[in-house]
């Protein structure tokens, strides 16, 4: 699967986002080592701390299916800046792979690519 195909899956996942407070829809497409793709979108809540990001939604779906070896994730957002994973998502994803690729898009479909270890250079680990 190409980067663009994975990003298109993330874009479609964003259409399902529940974002009545921020009005900022995010979609994620997580590819695992088994070449399966799990999607997620952000789901907001009036109690903001209970909001879940698209990246963690996709990761929880993968883990709940027994798929815990992550290869890469595409994150789609329509902002002027690249839609980067928040700190909580970076730490959450690191639990499963510090070497995974992270593709981050912005309005118009342009995207950049990082290794997760670049985005969280000094992670918390047991």
PDB file of N, CA and C in Angstrom:
ATOM      1  N   UNK A   1       0.847  -1.177   0.000  1.00  0.00           N
ATOM      2  CA  UNK A   1       0.000   0.000   0.000  1.00  0.00           C
ATOM      3  C   UNK A   1       0.893   1.240   0.000  1.00  0.00           C
ATOM      4  N   UNK A   2       0.557   2.202  -0.829  1.00  0.00           N
ATOM      5  CA  UNK A   2       1.342   3.431  -0.908  1.00  0.00           C
ATOM      6  C   UNK A   2       0.981   4.372   0.236  1.00  0.00           C
ATOM      7  N   UNK A   3       1.858   5.340   0.470  1.00  0.00           N
ATOM      8  CA  UNK A   3       1.571   6.373   1.472  1.00  0.00           C
ATOM      9  C   UNK A   3       0.268   7.088   1.140  1.00  0.00           C
ATOM     10  N   UNK A   4       0.089   7.412  -0.122  1.00  0.00           N
ATOM     11  CA  UNK A   4      -1.110   8.149  -0.555  1.00  0.00           C
ATOM     12  C   UNK A   4      -2.372   7.326  -0.302  1.00  0.00           C
ATOM     13  N   UNK A   5      -2.332   6.032  -0.568  1.00  0.00           N
ATOM     14  CA  UNK A   5      -3.500   5.183  -0.310  1.00  0.00           C
ATOM     15  C   UNK A   5      -3.832   5.149   1.179  1.00  0.00           C
ATOM     16  N   UNK A   6      -2.797   5.042   2.012  1.00  0.00           N
ATOM     17  CA  UNK A   6      -3.028   5.038   3.455  1.00  0.00           C
ATOM     18  C   UNK A   6      -3.596   6.381   3.910  1.00  0.00           C
ATOM     19  N   UNK A   7      -3.084   7.460   3.337  1.00  0.00           N
ATOM     20  CA  UNK A   7      -3.584   8.794   3.688  1.00  0.00           C
ATOM     21  C   UNK A   7      -5.032   8.963   3.242  1.00  0.00           C
ATOM     22  N   UNK A   8      -5.393   8.425   2.107  1.00  0.00           N
ATOM     23  CA  UNK A   8      -6.788   8.491   1.647  1.00  0.00           C
ATOM     24  C   UNK A   8      -7.723   7.755   2.601  1.00  0.00           C
ATOM     25  N   UNK A   9      -7.265   6.647   3.152  1.00  0.00           N
ATOM     26  CA  UNK A   9      -8.065   5.917   4.138  1.00  0.00           C
ATOM     27  C   UNK A   9      -8.250   6.776   5.388  1.00  0.00           C
ATOM     28  N   UNK A  10      -7.180   7.460   5.809  1.00  0.00           N
ATOM     29  CA  UNK A  10      -7.280   8.356   6.968  1.00  0.00           C
ATOM     30  C   UNK A  10      -8.235   9.513   6.685  1.00  0.00           C
ATOM     31  N   UNK A  11      -8.188  10.050   5.481  1.00  0.00           N
ATOM     32  CA  UNK A  11      -9.093  11.146   5.107  1.00  0.00           C
ATOM     33  C   UNK A  11     -10.544  10.702   5.207  1.00  0.00           C
ATOM     34  N   UNK A  12     -10.828   9.501   4.714  1.00  0.00           N
ATOM     35  CA  UNK A  12     -12.204   8.988   4.796  1.00  0.00           C
ATOM     36  C   UNK A  12     -12.622   8.736   6.244  1.00  0.00           C
ATOM     37  N   UNK A  13     -11.683   8.293   7.073  1.00  0.00           N
ATOM     38  CA  UNK A  13     -11.988   8.053   8.485  1.00  0.00           C
ATOM     39  C   UNK A  13     -12.367   9.365   9.184  1.00  0.00           C
ATOM     40  N   UNK A  14     -11.751  10.465   8.771  1.00  0.00           N
ATOM     41  CA  UNK A  14     -12.055  11.767   9.383  1.00  0.00           C
ATOM     42  C   UNK A  14     -13.513  12.172   9.175  1.00  0.00           C
ATOM     43  N   UNK A  15     -14.126  11.678   8.124  1.00  0.00           N
ATOM     44  CA  UNK A  15     -15.528  12.006   7.861  1.00  0.00           C
ATOM     45  C   UNK A  15     -16.447  11.515   8.978  1.00  0.00           C
ATOM     46  N   UNK A  16     -16.016  10.505   9.738  1.00  0.00           N
ATOM     47  CA  UNK A  16     -16.822   9.965  10.829  1.00  0.00           C
ATOM     48  C   UNK A  16     -16.557  10.626  12.172  1.00  0.00           C
ATOM     49  N   UNK A  17     -15.650  11.585  12.203  1.00  0.00           N
ATOM     50  CA  UNK A  17     -15.276  12.216  13.472  1.00  0.00           C
ATOM     51  C   UNK A  17     -16.482  12.883  14.136  1.00  0.00           C
ATOM     52  N   UNK A  18     -16.478  12.837  15.448  1.00  0.00           N
ATOM     53  CA  UNK A  18     -17.485  13.524  16.264  1.00  0.00           C
ATOM     54  C   UNK A  18     -16.758  14.678  16.930  1.00  0.00           C
ATOM     55  N   UNK A  19     -16.875  15.875  16.348  1.00  0.00           N
ATOM     56  CA  UNK A  19     -16.095  17.025  16.795  1.00  0.00           C
ATOM     57  C   UNK A  19     -16.968  18.269  16.948  1.00  0.00           C
ATOM     58  N   UNK A  20     -18.029  18.208  17.789  1.00  0.00           N
ATOM     59  CA  UNK A  20     -18.918  19.365  17.918  1.00  0.00           C
ATOM     60  C   UNK A  20     -18.293  20.550  18.652  1.00  0.00           C
ATOM     61  N   UNK A  21     -17.213  20.347  19.378  1.00  0.00           N
ATOM     62  CA  UNK A  21     -16.612  21.432  20.167  1.00  0.00           C
ATOM     63  C   UNK A  21     -15.484  22.114  19.415  1.00  0.00           C
ATOM     64  N   UNK A  22     -14.540  21.350  18.896  1.00  0.00           N
ATOM     65  CA  UNK A  22     -13.421  21.948  18.168  1.00  0.00           C
ATOM     66  C   UNK A  22     -13.753  22.183  16.704  1.00  0.00           C
ATOM     67  N   UNK A  23     -14.703  21.423  16.179  1.00  0.00           N
ATOM     68  CA  UNK A  23     -15.032  21.438  14.757  1.00  0.00           C
ATOM     69  C   UNK A  23     -13.824  21.072  13.890  1.00  0.00           C
ATOM     70  N   UNK A  24     -12.875  20.353  14.477  1.00  0.00           N
ATOM     71  CA  UNK A  24     -11.662  19.929  13.776  1.00  0.00           C
ATOM     72  C   UNK A  24     -11.665  18.408  13.704  1.00  0.00           C
ATOM     73  N   UNK A  25     -11.996  17.896  12.525  1.00  0.00           N
ATOM     74  CA  UNK A  25     -12.095  16.456  12.321  1.00  0.00           C
ATOM     75  C   UNK A  25     -10.734  15.879  11.955  1.00  0.00           C
ATOM     76  N   UNK A  26     -10.407  14.780  12.617  1.00  0.00           N
ATOM     77  CA  UNK A  26      -9.135  14.096  12.375  1.00  0.00           C
ATOM     78  C   UNK A  26      -9.427  12.637  12.084  1.00  0.00           C
ATOM     79  N   UNK A  27      -8.696  12.077  11.129  1.00  0.00           N
ATOM     80  CA  UNK A  27      -8.793  10.662  10.815  1.00  0.00           C
ATOM     81  C   UNK A  27      -7.416  10.028  10.871  1.00  0.00           C
ATOM     82  N   UNK A  28      -7.381   8.754  11.201  1.00  0.00           N
ATOM     83  CA  UNK A  28      -6.117   8.025  11.251  1.00  0.00           C
ATOM     84  C   UNK A  28      -6.294   6.666  10.586  1.00  0.00           C
ATOM     85  N   UNK A  29      -5.234   6.214   9.945  1.00  0.00           N
ATOM     86  CA  UNK A  29      -5.186   4.874   9.354  1.00  0.00           C
ATOM     87  C   UNK A  29      -3.884   4.248   9.815  1.00  0.00           C
ATOM     88  N   UNK A  30      -4.005   3.205  10.612  1.00  0.00           N
ATOM     89  CA  UNK A  30      -2.860   2.535  11.212  1.00  0.00           C
ATOM     90  C   UNK A  30      -2.604   1.213  10.503  1.00  0.00           C
ATOM     91  N   UNK A  31      -1.403   1.069   9.950  1.00  0.00           N
ATOM     92  CA  UNK A  31      -1.020  -0.168   9.281  1.00  0.00           C
ATOM     93  C   UNK A  31      -0.123  -0.980  10.207  1.00  0.00           C
ATOM     94  N   UNK A  32      -0.444  -2.257  10.346  1.00  0.00           N
ATOM     95  CA  UNK A  32       0.336  -3.132  11.221  1.00  0.00           C
ATOM     96  C   UNK A  32       1.285  -3.999  10.404  1.00  0.00           C
ATOM     97  N   UNK A  33       2.148  -4.703  11.103  1.00  0.00           N
ATOM     98  CA  UNK A  33       3.110  -5.596  10.439  1.00  0.00           C
ATOM     99  C   UNK A  33       2.408  -6.712   9.668  1.00  0.00           C
ATOM    100  N   UNK A  34       1.152  -7.009  10.011  1.00  0.00           N
ATOM    101  CA  UNK A  34       0.385  -8.026   9.278  1.00  0.00           C
ATOM    102  C   UNK A  34      -0.282  -7.431   8.042  1.00  0.00           C
ATOM    103  N   UNK A  35       0.012  -6.160   7.750  1.00  0.00           N
ATOM    104  CA  UNK A  35      -0.528  -5.409   6.614  1.00  0.00           C
ATOM    105  C   UNK A  35      -2.028  -5.147   6.717  1.00  0.00           C
ATOM    106  N   UNK A  36      -2.580  -5.238   7.904  1.00  0.00           N
ATOM    107  CA  UNK A  36      -3.964  -4.839   8.129  1.00  0.00           C
ATOM    108  C   UNK A  36      -3.985  -3.352   8.437  1.00  0.00           C
ATOM    109  N   UNK A  37      -5.086  -2.692   8.095  1.00  0.00           N
ATOM    110  CA  UNK A  37      -5.238  -1.269   8.367  1.00  0.00           C
ATOM    111  C   UNK A  37      -6.447  -1.080   9.275  1.00  0.00           C
ATOM    112  N   UNK A  38      -6.220  -0.346  10.356  1.00  0.00           N
ATOM    113  CA  UNK A  38      -7.276  -0.018  11.308  1.00  0.00           C
ATOM    114  C   UNK A  38      -7.469   1.493  11.277  1.00  0.00           C
ATOM    115  N   UNK A  39      -8.714   1.918  11.228  1.00  0.00           N
ATOM    116  CA  UNK A  39      -8.999   3.340  11.151  1.00  0.00           C
ATOM    117  C   UNK A  39      -9.509   3.866  12.482  1.00  0.00           C
ATOM    118  N   UNK A  40      -9.407   5.171  12.613  1.00  0.00           N
ATOM    119  CA  UNK A  40      -9.945   5.842  13.790  1.00  0.00           C
ATOM    120  C   UNK A  40     -10.239   7.292  13.474  1.00  0.00           C
ATOM    121  N   UNK A  41     -11.076   7.880  14.286  1.00  0.00           N
ATOM    122  CA  UNK A  41     -11.371   9.304  14.177  1.00  0.00           C
ATOM    123  C   UNK A  41     -11.434   9.876  15.589  1.00  0.00           C
ATOM    124  N   UNK A  42     -11.352  11.190  15.691  1.00  0.00           N
ATOM    125  CA  UNK A  42     -11.466  11.784  17.012  1.00  0.00           C
ATOM    126  C   UNK A  42     -12.926  11.759  17.458  1.00  0.00           C
ATOM    127  N   UNK A  43     -13.120  11.526  18.747  1.00  0.00           N
ATOM    128  CA  UNK A  43     -14.452  11.489  19.354  1.00  0.00           C
ATOM    129  C   UNK A  43     -14.398  12.406  20.563  1.00  0.00           C
ATOM    130  N   UNK A  44     -14.994  13.587  20.424  1.00  0.00           N
ATOM    131  CA  UNK A  44     -14.949  14.576  21.488  1.00  0.00           C
ATOM    132  C   UNK A  44     -16.036  14.335  22.526  1.00  0.00           C
ATOM    133  N   UNK A  45     -15.845  14.963  23.678  1.00  0.00           N
ATOM    134  CA  UNK A  45     -16.786  14.850  24.777  1.00  0.00           C
ATOM    135  C   UNK A  45     -16.812  16.182  25.504  1.00  0.00           C
ATOM    136  N   UNK A  46     -17.973  16.537  26.063  1.00  0.00           N
ATOM    137  CA  UNK A  46     -18.085  17.790  26.808  1.00  0.00           C
ATOM    138  C   UNK A  46     -17.090  17.822  27.967  1.00  0.00           C
ATOM    139  N   UNK A  47     -16.824  16.680  28.570  1.00  0.00           N
ATOM    140  CA  UNK A  47     -15.753  16.569  29.558  1.00  0.00           C
ATOM    141  C   UNK A  47     -14.478  16.340  28.737  1.00  0.00           C
ATOM    142  N   UNK A  48     -13.790  17.423  28.398  1.00  0.00           N
ATOM    143  CA  UNK A  48     -12.720  17.371  27.392  1.00  0.00           C
ATOM    144  C   UNK A  48     -11.673  16.295  27.647  1.00  0.00           C
ATOM    145  N   UNK A  49     -11.394  15.981  28.896  1.00  0.00           N
ATOM    146  CA  UNK A  49     -10.414  14.943  29.201  1.00  0.00           C
ATOM    147  C   UNK A  49     -10.852  13.566  28.742  1.00  0.00           C
ATOM    148  N   UNK A  50     -12.137  13.402  28.479  1.00  0.00           N
ATOM    149  CA  UNK A  50     -12.652  12.117  27.995  1.00  0.00           C
ATOM    150  C   UNK A  50     -12.625  12.003  26.482  1.00  0.00           C
ATOM    151  N   UNK A  51     -12.193  13.039  25.802  1.00  0.00           N
ATOM    152  CA  UNK A  51     -12.049  13.000  24.351  1.00  0.00           C
ATOM    153  C   UNK A  51     -10.969  12.000  23.978  1.00  0.00           C
ATOM    154  N   UNK A  52     -11.176  11.292  22.870  1.00  0.00           N
ATOM    155  CA  UNK A  52     -10.151  10.361  22.385  1.00  0.00           C
ATOM    156  C   UNK A  52      -9.746  10.774  20.966  1.00  0.00           C
ATOM    157  N   UNK A  53      -8.456  10.748  20.748  1.00  0.00           N
ATOM    158  CA  UNK A  53      -7.905  11.147  19.451  1.00  0.00           C
ATOM    159  C   UNK A  53      -8.050  10.020  18.427  1.00  0.00           C
ATOM    160  N   UNK A  54      -7.962  10.398  17.167  1.00  0.00           N
ATOM    161  CA  UNK A  54      -8.070   9.432  16.065  1.00  0.00           C
ATOM    162  C   UNK A  54      -6.996   8.353  16.148  1.00  0.00           C
ATOM    163  N   UNK A  55      -5.787   8.758  16.514  1.00  0.00           N
ATOM    164  CA  UNK A  55      -4.676   7.814  16.556  1.00  0.00           C
ATOM    165  C   UNK A  55      -4.908   6.728  17.603  1.00  0.00           C
ATOM    166  N   UNK A  56      -5.362   7.133  18.783  1.00  0.00           N
ATOM    167  CA  UNK A  56      -5.604   6.154  19.847  1.00  0.00           C
ATOM    168  C   UNK A  56      -6.821   5.291  19.537  1.00  0.00           C
ATOM    169  N   UNK A  57      -7.813   5.863  18.847  1.00  0.00           N
ATOM    170  CA  UNK A  57      -8.968   5.056  18.431  1.00  0.00           C
ATOM    171  C   UNK A  57      -8.505   3.922  17.521  1.00  0.00           C
ATOM    172  N   UNK A  58      -7.683   4.246  16.528  1.00  0.00           N
ATOM    173  CA  UNK A  58      -7.177   3.224  15.601  1.00  0.00           C
ATOM    174  C   UNK A  58      -6.315   2.200  16.335  1.00  0.00           C
ATOM    175  N   UNK A  59      -5.459   2.676  17.226  1.00  0.00           N
ATOM    176  CA  UNK A  59      -4.575   1.766  17.966  1.00  0.00           C
ATOM    177  C   UNK A  59      -5.380   0.821  18.855  1.00  0.00           C
ATOM    178  N   UNK A  60      -6.405   1.329  19.515  1.00  0.00           N
ATOM    179  CA  UNK A  60      -7.236   0.468  20.372  1.00  0.00           C
ATOM    180  C   UNK A  60      -7.987  -0.574  19.547  1.00  0.00           C
ATOM    181  N   UNK A  61      -8.420  -0.193  18.367  1.00  0.00           N
ATOM    182  CA  UNK A  61      -9.084  -1.174  17.499  1.00  0.00           C
ATOM    183  C   UNK A  61      -8.112  -2.283  17.109  1.00  0.00           C
ATOM    184  N   UNK A  62      -6.879  -1.913  16.775  1.00  0.00           N
ATOM    185  CA  UNK A  62      -5.885  -2.918  16.394  1.00  0.00           C
ATOM    186  C   UNK A  62      -5.581  -3.843  17.567  1.00  0.00           C
ATOM    187  N   UNK A  63      -5.318  -3.269  18.710  1.00  0.00           N
ATOM    188  CA  UNK A  63      -4.966  -4.073  19.881  1.00  0.00           C
ATOM    189  C   UNK A  63      -6.125  -4.984  20.270  1.00  0.00           C
ATOM    190  N   UNK A  64      -7.351  -4.479  20.178  1.00  0.00           N
ATOM    191  CA  UNK A  64      -8.508  -5.297  20.549  1.00  0.00           C
ATOM    192  C   UNK A  64      -8.691  -6.493  19.613  1.00  0.00           C
ATOM    193  N   UNK A  65      -8.066  -6.420  18.431  1.00  0.00           N
ATOM    194  CA  UNK A  65      -8.092  -7.537  17.483  1.00  0.00           C
ATOM    195  C   UNK A  65      -6.824  -8.386  17.581  1.00  0.00           C
ATOM    196  N   UNK A  66      -5.970  -8.088  18.553  1.00  0.00           N
ATOM    197  CA  UNK A  66      -4.752  -8.872  18.754  1.00  0.00           C
ATOM    198  C   UNK A  66      -3.586  -8.470  17.875  1.00  0.00           C
ATOM    199  N   UNK A  67      -3.688  -7.322  17.213  1.00  0.00           N
ATOM    200  CA  UNK A  67      -2.659  -6.842  16.275  1.00  0.00           C
ATOM    201  C   UNK A  67      -1.863  -5.733  16.973  1.00  0.00           C
ATOM    202  N   UNK A  68      -0.671  -6.054  17.455  1.00  0.00           N
ATOM    203  CA  UNK A  68       0.075  -5.105  18.285  1.00  0.00           C
ATOM    204  C   UNK A  68       1.428  -4.677  17.728  1.00  0.00           C
ATOM    205  N   UNK A  69       1.727  -5.046  16.505  1.00  0.00           N
ATOM    206  CA  UNK A  69       2.995  -4.641  15.893  1.00  0.00           C
ATOM    207  C   UNK A  69       2.689  -3.606  14.810  1.00  0.00           C
ATOM    208  N   UNK A  70       2.899  -2.341  15.158  1.00  0.00           N
ATOM    209  CA  UNK A  70       2.527  -1.233  14.282  1.00  0.00           C
ATOM    210  C   UNK A  70       3.675  -0.878  13.339  1.00  0.00           C
ATOM    211  N   UNK A  71       3.315  -0.660  12.067  1.00  0.00           N
ATOM    212  CA  UNK A  71       4.301  -0.310  11.046  1.00  0.00           C
ATOM    213  C   UNK A  71       4.283   1.192  10.744  1.00  0.00           C
ATOM    214  N   UNK A  72       3.102   1.742  10.499  1.00  0.00           N
ATOM    215  CA  UNK A  72       3.001   3.180  10.201  1.00  0.00           C
ATOM    216  C   UNK A  72       1.573   3.641  10.415  1.00  0.00           C
ATOM    217  N   UNK A  73       1.455   4.955  10.559  1.00  0.00           N
ATOM    218  CA  UNK A  73       0.146   5.558  10.745  1.00  0.00           C
ATOM    219  C   UNK A  73       0.069   6.821   9.903  1.00  0.00           C
ATOM    220  N   UNK A  74      -1.081   7.021   9.280  1.00  0.00           N
ATOM    221  CA  UNK A  74      -1.353   8.251   8.530  1.00  0.00           C
ATOM    222  C   UNK A  74      -2.383   9.036   9.335  1.00  0.00           C
ATOM    223  N   UNK A  75      -2.136  10.331   9.487  1.00  0.00           N
ATOM    224  CA  UNK A  75      -3.027  11.199  10.258  1.00  0.00           C
ATOM    225  C   UNK A  75      -3.480  12.332   9.344  1.00  0.00           C
ATOM    226  N   UNK A  76      -4.797  12.459   9.201  1.00  0.00           N
ATOM    227  CA  UNK A  76      -5.371  13.457   8.297  1.00  0.00           C
ATOM    228  C   UNK A  76      -6.074  14.543   9.102  1.00  0.00           C
ATOM    229  N   UNK A  77      -5.780  15.792   8.764  1.00  0.00           N
ATOM    230  CA  UNK A  77      -6.484  16.941   9.322  1.00  0.00           C
ATOM    231  C   UNK A  77      -6.528  18.027   8.276  1.00  0.00           C
ATOM    232  N   UNK A  78      -7.519  18.890   8.358  1.00  0.00           N
ATOM    233  CA  UNK A  78      -7.708  19.937   7.342  1.00  0.00           C
ATOM    234  C   UNK A  78      -7.166  21.290   7.766  1.00  0.00           C
ATOM    235  N   UNK A  79      -6.236  21.324   8.701  1.00  0.00           N
ATOM    236  CA  UNK A  79      -5.691  22.594   9.161  1.00  0.00           C
ATOM    237  C   UNK A  79      -4.630  23.158   8.242  1.00  0.00           C
ATOM    238  N   UNK A  80      -4.196  24.387   8.562  1.00  0.00           N
ATOM    239  CA  UNK A  80      -3.130  25.028   7.799  1.00  0.00           C
ATOM    240  C   UNK A  80      -1.770  24.404   8.104  1.00  0.00           C
ATOM    241  N   UNK A  81      -1.644  23.803   9.295  1.00  0.00           N
ATOM    242  CA  UNK A  81      -0.409  23.153   9.705  1.00  0.00           C
ATOM    243  C   UNK A  81      -0.578  21.635   9.609  1.00  0.00           C
ATOM    244  N   UNK A  82       0.532  20.934   9.592  1.00  0.00           N
ATOM    245  CA  UNK A  82       0.476  19.477   9.559  1.00  0.00           C
ATOM    246  C   UNK A  82      -0.176  18.962  10.838  1.00  0.00           C
ATOM    247  N   UNK A  83      -1.015  17.971  10.699  1.00  0.00           N
ATOM    248  CA  UNK A  83      -1.750  17.397  11.826  1.00  0.00           C
ATOM    249  C   UNK A  83      -0.856  16.366  12.521  1.00  0.00           C
ATOM    250  N   UNK A  84      -0.177  16.825  13.562  1.00  0.00           N
ATOM    251  CA  UNK A  84       0.772  15.990  14.295  1.00  0.00           C
ATOM    252  C   UNK A  84       0.061  15.297  15.452  1.00  0.00           C
ATOM    253  N   UNK A  85       0.527  14.110  15.847  1.00  0.00           N
ATOM    254  CA  UNK A  85      -0.074  13.455  17.007  1.00  0.00           C
ATOM    255  C   UNK A  85       0.266  14.223  18.286  1.00  0.00           C
ATOM    256  N   UNK A  86      -0.698  14.291  19.201  1.00  0.00           N
ATOM    257  CA  UNK A  86      -0.454  14.968  20.477  1.00  0.00           C
ATOM    258  C   UNK A  86       0.515  14.131  21.315  1.00  0.00           C
ATOM    259  N   UNK A  87       0.968  14.682  22.410  1.00  0.00           N
ATOM    260  CA  UNK A  87       1.911  13.981  23.275  1.00  0.00           C
ATOM    261  C   UNK A  87       1.372  12.658  23.796  1.00  0.00           C
ATOM    262  N   UNK A  88       0.094  12.640  24.177  1.00  0.00           N
ATOM    263  CA  UNK A  88      -0.497  11.397  24.677  1.00  0.00           C
ATOM    264  C   UNK A  88      -0.500  10.326  23.598  1.00  0.00           C
ATOM    265  N   UNK A  89      -0.827  10.704  22.376  1.00  0.00           N
ATOM    266  CA  UNK A  89      -0.842   9.730  21.279  1.00  0.00           C
ATOM    267  C   UNK A  89       0.565   9.244  20.963  1.00  0.00           C
ATOM    268  N   UNK A  90       1.534  10.141  21.013  1.00  0.00           N
ATOM    269  CA  UNK A  90       2.918   9.733  20.754  1.00  0.00           C
ATOM    270  C   UNK A  90       3.348   8.672  21.767  1.00  0.00           C
ATOM    271  N   UNK A  91       3.081   8.927  23.036  1.00  0.00           N
ATOM    272  CA  UNK A  91       3.452   7.972  24.078  1.00  0.00           C
ATOM    273  C   UNK A  91       2.670   6.670  23.922  1.00  0.00           C
ATOM    274  N   UNK A  92       1.384   6.782  23.581  1.00  0.00           N
ATOM    275  CA  UNK A  92       0.530   5.595  23.413  1.00  0.00           C
ATOM    276  C   UNK A  92       1.052   4.711  22.285  1.00  0.00           C
ATOM    277  N   UNK A  93       1.370   5.315  21.143  1.00  0.00           N
ATOM    278  CA  UNK A  93       1.876   4.560  19.993  1.00  0.00           C
ATOM    279  C   UNK A  93       3.243   3.946  20.289  1.00  0.00           C
ATOM    280  N   UNK A  94       4.048   4.657  21.050  1.00  0.00           N
ATOM    281  CA  UNK A  94       5.387   4.176  21.395  1.00  0.00           C
ATOM    282  C   UNK A  94       5.341   2.853  22.157  1.00  0.00           C
ATOM    283  N   UNK A  95       4.262   2.616  22.847  1.00  0.00           N
ATOM    284  CA  UNK A  95       4.088   1.360  23.582  1.00  0.00           C
ATOM    285  C   UNK A  95       4.200   0.154  22.641  1.00  0.00           C
ATOM    286  N   UNK A  96       3.866   0.375  21.383  1.00  0.00           N
ATOM    287  CA  UNK A  96       3.810  -0.720  20.417  1.00  0.00           C
ATOM    288  C   UNK A  96       4.930  -0.676  19.384  1.00  0.00           C
ATOM    289  N   UNK A  97       5.507   0.496  19.141  1.00  0.00           N
ATOM    290  CA  UNK A  97       6.606   0.594  18.181  1.00  0.00           C
ATOM    291  C   UNK A  97       7.226   1.980  18.237  1.00  0.00           C
ATOM    292  N   UNK A  98       8.513   2.042  18.566  1.00  0.00           N
ATOM    293  CA  UNK A  98       9.176   3.349  18.537  1.00  0.00           C
ATOM    294  C   UNK A  98       9.799   3.627  17.172  1.00  0.00           C
ATOM    295  N   UNK A  99       9.707   2.650  16.272  1.00  0.00           N
ATOM    296  CA  UNK A  99      10.318   2.784  14.953  1.00  0.00           C
ATOM    297  C   UNK A  99       9.277   2.998  13.847  1.00  0.00           C
ATOM    298  N   UNK A 100       8.004   3.094  14.212  1.00  0.00           N
ATOM    299  CA  UNK A 100       6.971   3.221  13.191  1.00  0.00           C
ATOM    300  C   UNK A 100       7.064   4.568  12.474  1.00  0.00           C
ATOM    301  N   UNK A 101       6.562   4.584  11.259  1.00  0.00           N
ATOM    302  CA  UNK A 101       6.514   5.807  10.465  1.00  0.00           C
ATOM    303  C   UNK A 101       5.220   6.545  10.779  1.00  0.00           C
ATOM    304  N   UNK A 102       5.313   7.874  10.858  1.00  0.00           N
ATOM    305  CA  UNK A 102       4.152   8.716  11.138  1.00  0.00           C
ATOM    306  C   UNK A 102       4.002   9.710   9.987  1.00  0.00           C
ATOM    307  N   UNK A 103       2.904   9.585   9.233  1.00  0.00           N
ATOM    308  CA  UNK A 103       2.606  10.488   8.118  1.00  0.00           C
ATOM    309  C   UNK A 103       1.581  11.500   8.607  1.00  0.00           C
ATOM    310  N   UNK A 104       1.872  12.778   8.455  1.00  0.00           N
ATOM    311  CA  UNK A 104       1.011  13.845   8.971  1.00  0.00           C
ATOM    312  C   UNK A 104       0.607  14.772   7.827  1.00  0.00           C
ATOM    313  N   UNK A 105      -0.709  14.912   7.621  1.00  0.00           N
ATOM    314  CA  UNK A 105      -1.218  15.716   6.505  1.00  0.00           C
ATOM    315  C   UNK A 105      -1.725  17.073   6.981  1.00  0.00           C
ATOM    316  N   UNK A 106      -1.937  17.947   6.020  1.00  0.00           N
ATOM    317  CA  UNK A 106      -2.598  19.227   6.262  1.00  0.00           C
ATOM    318  C   UNK A 106      -3.551  19.484   5.101  1.00  0.00           C
ATOM    319  N   UNK A 107      -4.293  20.568   5.185  1.00  0.00           N
ATOM    320  CA  UNK A 107      -5.259  20.900   4.140  1.00  0.00           C
ATOM    321  C   UNK A 107      -4.590  20.837   2.776  1.00  0.00           C
ATOM    322  N   UNK A 108      -5.301  20.290   1.825  1.00  0.00           N
ATOM    323  CA  UNK A 108      -4.768  20.149   0.481  1.00  0.00           C
ATOM    324  C   UNK A 108      -4.098  18.816   0.236  1.00  0.00           C
ATOM    325  N   UNK A 109      -3.917  18.033   1.302  1.00  0.00           N
ATOM    326  CA  UNK A 109      -3.375  16.690   1.135  1.00  0.00           C
ATOM    327  C   UNK A 109      -1.874  16.560   1.196  1.00  0.00           C
ATOM    328  N   UNK A 110      -1.153  17.674   1.364  1.00  0.00           N
ATOM    329  CA  UNK A 110       0.299  17.556   1.507  1.00  0.00           C
ATOM    330  C   UNK A 110       0.597  16.889   2.840  1.00  0.00           C
ATOM    331  N   UNK A 111       1.684  16.113   2.894  1.00  0.00           N
ATOM    332  CA  UNK A 111       2.029  15.453   4.139  1.00  0.00           C
ATOM    333  C   UNK A 111       3.538  15.351   4.314  1.00  0.00           C
ATOM    334  N   UNK A 112       3.933  15.148   5.551  1.00  0.00           N
ATOM    335  CA  UNK A 112       5.330  14.934   5.907  1.00  0.00           C
ATOM    336  C   UNK A 112       5.431  13.579   6.599  1.00  0.00           C
ATOM    337  N   UNK A 113       6.647  13.057   6.674  1.00  0.00           N
ATOM    338  CA  UNK A 113       6.882  11.742   7.270  1.00  0.00           C
ATOM    339  C   UNK A 113       7.980  11.833   8.321  1.00  0.00           C
ATOM    340  N   UNK A 114       7.740  11.192   9.462  1.00  0.00           N
ATOM    341  CA  UNK A 114       8.709  11.122  10.547  1.00  0.00           C
ATOM    342  C   UNK A 114       8.745   9.700  11.087  1.00  0.00           C
ATOM    343  N   UNK A 115       9.809   9.348  11.768  1.00  0.00           N
ATOM    344  CA  UNK A 115       9.835   8.169  12.616  1.00  0.00           C
ATOM    345  C   UNK A 115       9.281   8.621  13.963  1.00  0.00           C
ATOM    346  N   UNK A 116       8.540   7.757  14.619  1.00  0.00           N
ATOM    347  CA  UNK A 116       7.976   8.106  15.916  1.00  0.00           C
ATOM    348  C   UNK A 116       9.074   8.516  16.891  1.00  0.00           C
ATOM    349  N   UNK A 117      10.226   7.886  16.805  1.00  0.00           N
ATOM    350  CA  UNK A 117      11.339   8.226  17.696  1.00  0.00           C
ATOM    351  C   UNK A 117      11.818   9.670  17.498  1.00  0.00           C
ATOM    352  N   UNK A 118      11.577  10.252  16.329  1.00  0.00           N
ATOM    353  CA  UNK A 118      11.905  11.666  16.109  1.00  0.00           C
ATOM    354  C   UNK A 118      10.914  12.579  16.819  1.00  0.00           C
ATOM    355  N   UNK A 119       9.677  12.133  16.926  1.00  0.00           N
ATOM    356  CA  UNK A 119       8.623  12.959  17.517  1.00  0.00           C
ATOM    357  C   UNK A 119       8.595  12.869  19.041  1.00  0.00           C
ATOM    358  N   UNK A 120       9.181  11.813  19.591  1.00  0.00           N
ATOM    359  CA  UNK A 120       9.256  11.649  21.036  1.00  0.00           C
ATOM    360  C   UNK A 120      10.649  11.111  21.367  1.00  0.00           C
ATOM    361  N   UNK A 121      11.651  11.999  21.341  1.00  0.00           N
ATOM    362  CA  UNK A 121      13.045  11.557  21.456  1.00  0.00           C
ATOM    363  C   UNK A 121      13.450  11.035  22.832  1.00  0.00           C
ATOM    364  N   UNK A 122      12.752  11.417  23.881  1.00  0.00           N
ATOM    365  CA  UNK A 122      13.086  10.975  25.235  1.00  0.00           C
ATOM    366  C   UNK A 122      11.837  10.409  25.891  1.00  0.00           C
ATOM    367  N   UNK A 123      11.384   9.239  25.434  1.00  0.00           N
ATOM    368  CA  UNK A 123      10.112   8.691  25.908  1.00  0.00           C
ATOM    369  C   UNK A 123      10.200   8.115  27.314  1.00  0.00           C
ATOM    370  N   UNK A 124       9.055   8.005  27.914  1.00  0.00           N
ATOM    371  CA  UNK A 124       8.936   7.299  29.187  1.00  0.00           C
ATOM    372  C   UNK A 124       8.844   5.812  28.885  1.00  0.00           C
ATOM    373  N   UNK A 125       9.725   5.027  29.467  1.00  0.00           N
ATOM    374  CA  UNK A 125       9.709   3.569  29.279  1.00  0.00           C
ATOM    375  C   UNK A 125       9.992   2.899  30.622  1.00  0.00           C
ATOM    376  N   UNK A 126       9.398   1.721  30.804  1.00  0.00           N
ATOM    377  CA  UNK A 126       9.705   0.889  31.962  1.00  0.00           C
ATOM    378  C   UNK A 126      10.916   0.061  31.663  1.00  0.00           C
TER     379      UNK A 126
END
